[in-house]
Amino acid sequence: MWLWVWAMLLLFARLRGVIVLVLHYDTVQLGPELIIRFLVLILITKTIKVNAYNKENVHSSSIKLSNTCLH
């Protein structure tokens, strides 16, 4: 049951953002500590995505620089 709730919350966060999560919280009346844990989880995943994106950008820009130096 709780696994299904977590899956639905993750789906809502990916599709609509935190606003839908708040609406879902009002309709289902989940515990506030669950919402806090979920928001922390969202922040962690966004931070990981940003870090991975920045690493890809740095890597691709260094390849571009090396290509321009060769020509």
N, C-alpha and C. Protein backbone atom coordinates (compact mmCIF):
# COMPACT_ATOMS: atom_id res chain seq x y z
N MET A 1 0.82 -1.21 0.00
CA MET A 1 0.00 0.00 0.00
C MET A 1 0.86 1.26 0.00
N TRP A 2 1.84 1.30 0.92
CA TRP A 2 2.69 2.50 0.99
C TRP A 2 3.55 2.63 -0.25
N LEU A 3 3.96 1.49 -0.80
CA LEU A 3 4.76 1.54 -2.02
C LEU A 3 3.96 2.17 -3.15
N TRP A 4 2.68 1.84 -3.23
CA TRP A 4 1.81 2.42 -4.26
C TRP A 4 1.67 3.92 -4.06
N VAL A 5 1.55 4.35 -2.80
CA VAL A 5 1.44 5.78 -2.50
C VAL A 5 2.71 6.50 -2.93
N TRP A 6 3.87 5.91 -2.63
CA TRP A 6 5.14 6.52 -3.03
C TRP A 6 5.25 6.61 -4.55
N ALA A 7 4.82 5.56 -5.25
CA ALA A 7 4.88 5.57 -6.71
C ALA A 7 3.98 6.66 -7.28
N MET A 8 2.80 6.82 -6.72
CA MET A 8 1.89 7.86 -7.19
C MET A 8 2.46 9.25 -6.91
N LEU A 9 3.07 9.42 -5.74
CA LEU A 9 3.66 10.73 -5.42
C LEU A 9 4.81 11.06 -6.36
N LEU A 10 5.65 10.06 -6.66
CA LEU A 10 6.74 10.29 -7.60
C LEU A 10 6.20 10.65 -8.98
N LEU A 11 5.15 9.96 -9.39
CA LEU A 11 4.54 10.24 -10.69
C LEU A 11 3.98 11.65 -10.73
N PHE A 12 3.30 12.05 -9.66
CA PHE A 12 2.75 13.40 -9.60
C PHE A 12 3.86 14.44 -9.66
N ALA A 13 4.96 14.20 -8.96
CA ALA A 13 6.05 15.17 -8.93
C ALA A 13 6.69 15.31 -10.30
N ARG A 14 6.82 14.22 -11.01
CA ARG A 14 7.43 14.28 -12.35
C ARG A 14 6.51 14.99 -13.33
N LEU A 15 5.20 14.78 -13.21
CA LEU A 15 4.28 15.32 -14.21
C LEU A 15 3.93 16.78 -13.94
N ARG A 16 3.62 17.12 -12.72
CA ARG A 16 3.06 18.44 -12.45
C ARG A 16 3.86 19.27 -11.46
N GLY A 17 4.74 18.67 -10.71
CA GLY A 17 5.48 19.44 -9.72
C GLY A 17 4.85 19.37 -8.34
N VAL A 18 5.30 20.27 -7.49
CA VAL A 18 4.92 20.21 -6.07
C VAL A 18 3.46 20.62 -5.86
N ILE A 19 2.89 21.42 -6.77
CA ILE A 19 1.50 21.89 -6.61
C ILE A 19 0.54 20.71 -6.56
N VAL A 20 0.72 19.76 -7.46
CA VAL A 20 -0.15 18.59 -7.48
C VAL A 20 0.06 17.76 -6.21
N LEU A 21 1.30 17.72 -5.75
CA LEU A 21 1.58 17.00 -4.50
C LEU A 21 0.79 17.61 -3.35
N VAL A 22 0.73 18.94 -3.29
CA VAL A 22 -0.02 19.61 -2.23
C VAL A 22 -1.52 19.31 -2.37
N LEU A 23 -2.04 19.35 -3.60
CA LEU A 23 -3.45 19.02 -3.81
C LEU A 23 -3.74 17.58 -3.40
N HIS A 24 -2.82 16.68 -3.75
CA HIS A 24 -2.99 15.27 -3.39
C HIS A 24 -2.95 15.12 -1.87
N TYR A 25 -2.10 15.89 -1.23
CA TYR A 25 -2.01 15.86 0.23
C TYR A 25 -3.33 16.30 0.86
N ASP A 26 -3.98 17.33 0.28
CA ASP A 26 -5.25 17.80 0.82
C ASP A 26 -6.35 16.75 0.66
N THR A 27 -6.35 16.03 -0.45
CA THR A 27 -7.42 15.07 -0.69
C THR A 27 -7.22 13.77 0.09
N VAL A 28 -5.98 13.33 0.24
CA VAL A 28 -5.73 12.03 0.86
C VAL A 28 -5.45 12.17 2.36
N GLN A 29 -4.99 13.34 2.79
CA GLN A 29 -4.63 13.59 4.19
C GLN A 29 -3.52 12.65 4.66
N LEU A 30 -2.41 12.69 3.95
CA LEU A 30 -1.25 11.92 4.38
C LEU A 30 -0.56 12.65 5.53
N GLY A 31 0.28 11.92 6.24
CA GLY A 31 1.00 12.54 7.34
C GLY A 31 2.01 13.56 6.85
N PRO A 32 2.20 14.64 7.59
CA PRO A 32 3.14 15.68 7.16
C PRO A 32 4.58 15.20 7.06
N GLU A 33 4.96 14.25 7.90
CA GLU A 33 6.35 13.76 7.85
C GLU A 33 6.62 13.03 6.54
N LEU A 34 5.59 12.37 5.98
CA LEU A 34 5.75 11.70 4.69
C LEU A 34 5.99 12.73 3.59
N ILE A 35 5.26 13.85 3.65
CA ILE A 35 5.43 14.92 2.66
C ILE A 35 6.83 15.52 2.77
N ILE A 36 7.30 15.73 4.00
CA ILE A 36 8.64 16.30 4.19
C ILE A 36 9.70 15.36 3.63
N ARG A 37 9.57 14.08 3.91
CA ARG A 37 10.52 13.10 3.36
C ARG A 37 10.50 13.12 1.84
N PHE A 38 9.29 13.24 1.29
CA PHE A 38 9.16 13.24 -0.17
C PHE A 38 9.81 14.48 -0.78
N LEU A 39 9.61 15.64 -0.15
CA LEU A 39 10.23 16.87 -0.66
C LEU A 39 11.75 16.79 -0.60
N VAL A 40 12.27 16.20 0.47
CA VAL A 40 13.72 16.01 0.57
C VAL A 40 14.20 15.09 -0.55
N LEU A 41 13.43 14.04 -0.83
CA LEU A 41 13.78 13.13 -1.92
C LEU A 41 13.81 13.86 -3.26
N ILE A 42 12.82 14.75 -3.49
CA ILE A 42 12.80 15.53 -4.73
C ILE A 42 14.04 16.40 -4.83
N LEU A 43 14.40 17.07 -3.74
CA LEU A 43 15.58 17.94 -3.75
C LEU A 43 16.84 17.15 -4.05
N ILE A 44 16.97 15.97 -3.45
CA ILE A 44 18.16 15.14 -3.68
C ILE A 44 18.24 14.71 -5.15
N THR A 45 17.12 14.27 -5.72
CA THR A 45 17.15 13.81 -7.11
C THR A 45 17.42 14.97 -8.06
N LYS A 46 16.88 16.15 -7.78
CA LYS A 46 17.15 17.30 -8.64
C LYS A 46 18.62 17.69 -8.56
N THR A 47 19.20 17.64 -7.36
CA THR A 47 20.62 17.97 -7.20
C THR A 47 21.49 16.99 -7.98
N ILE A 48 21.15 15.70 -7.91
CA ILE A 48 21.93 14.70 -8.65
C ILE A 48 21.82 14.94 -10.15
N LYS A 49 20.61 15.27 -10.63
CA LYS A 49 20.42 15.53 -12.05
C LYS A 49 21.22 16.74 -12.50
N VAL A 50 21.21 17.81 -11.69
CA VAL A 50 21.96 19.02 -12.04
C VAL A 50 23.44 18.73 -12.08
N ASN A 51 23.95 17.98 -11.11
CA ASN A 51 25.37 17.64 -11.09
C ASN A 51 25.76 16.82 -12.31
N ALA A 52 24.93 15.85 -12.68
CA ALA A 52 25.22 15.03 -13.86
C ALA A 52 25.17 15.88 -15.12
N TYR A 53 24.23 16.80 -15.20
CA TYR A 53 24.10 17.67 -16.37
C TYR A 53 25.33 18.57 -16.48
N ASN A 54 25.78 19.12 -15.36
CA ASN A 54 26.96 19.99 -15.39
C ASN A 54 28.21 19.21 -15.81
N LYS A 55 28.35 17.98 -15.35
CA LYS A 55 29.51 17.18 -15.74
C LYS A 55 29.49 16.89 -17.24
N GLU A 56 28.30 16.62 -17.79
CA GLU A 56 28.20 16.38 -19.23
C GLU A 56 28.57 17.63 -20.01
N ASN A 57 28.11 18.79 -19.54
CA ASN A 57 28.41 20.04 -20.24
C ASN A 57 29.90 20.34 -20.22
N VAL A 58 30.53 20.13 -19.07
CA VAL A 58 31.97 20.38 -18.98
C VAL A 58 32.72 19.44 -19.89
N HIS A 59 32.31 18.19 -19.92
CA HIS A 59 32.98 17.19 -20.76
C HIS A 59 32.81 17.54 -22.24
N SER A 60 31.61 17.90 -22.66
CA SER A 60 31.38 18.20 -24.07
C SER A 60 32.09 19.49 -24.47
N SER A 61 32.14 20.48 -23.57
CA SER A 61 32.82 21.73 -23.93
C SER A 61 34.32 21.51 -24.03
N SER A 62 34.89 20.63 -23.20
CA SER A 62 36.32 20.36 -23.30
C SER A 62 36.64 19.62 -24.60
N ILE A 63 35.73 18.76 -25.05
CA ILE A 63 35.92 18.09 -26.34
C ILE A 63 35.88 19.11 -27.47
N LYS A 64 34.94 20.05 -27.38
CA LYS A 64 34.86 21.10 -28.41
C LYS A 64 36.13 21.93 -28.44
N LEU A 65 36.65 22.25 -27.26
CA LEU A 65 37.88 23.03 -27.20
C LEU A 65 39.04 22.28 -27.83
N SER A 66 39.15 21.00 -27.53
CA SER A 66 40.26 20.22 -28.10
C SER A 66 40.10 20.09 -29.61
N ASN A 67 38.87 19.99 -30.10
CA ASN A 67 38.65 19.91 -31.54
C ASN A 67 39.02 21.21 -32.23
N THR A 68 38.70 22.34 -31.60
CA THR A 68 39.03 23.62 -32.24
C THR A 68 40.53 23.86 -32.21
N CYS A 69 41.21 23.38 -31.19
CA CYS A 69 42.66 23.56 -31.14
C CYS A 69 43.36 22.72 -32.21
N LEU A 70 42.80 21.59 -32.55
CA LEU A 70 43.43 20.72 -33.54
C LEU A 70 43.34 21.31 -34.95
N HIS A 71 42.25 22.02 -35.24
CA HIS A 71 42.06 22.51 -36.61
C HIS A 71 42.78 23.81 -36.86
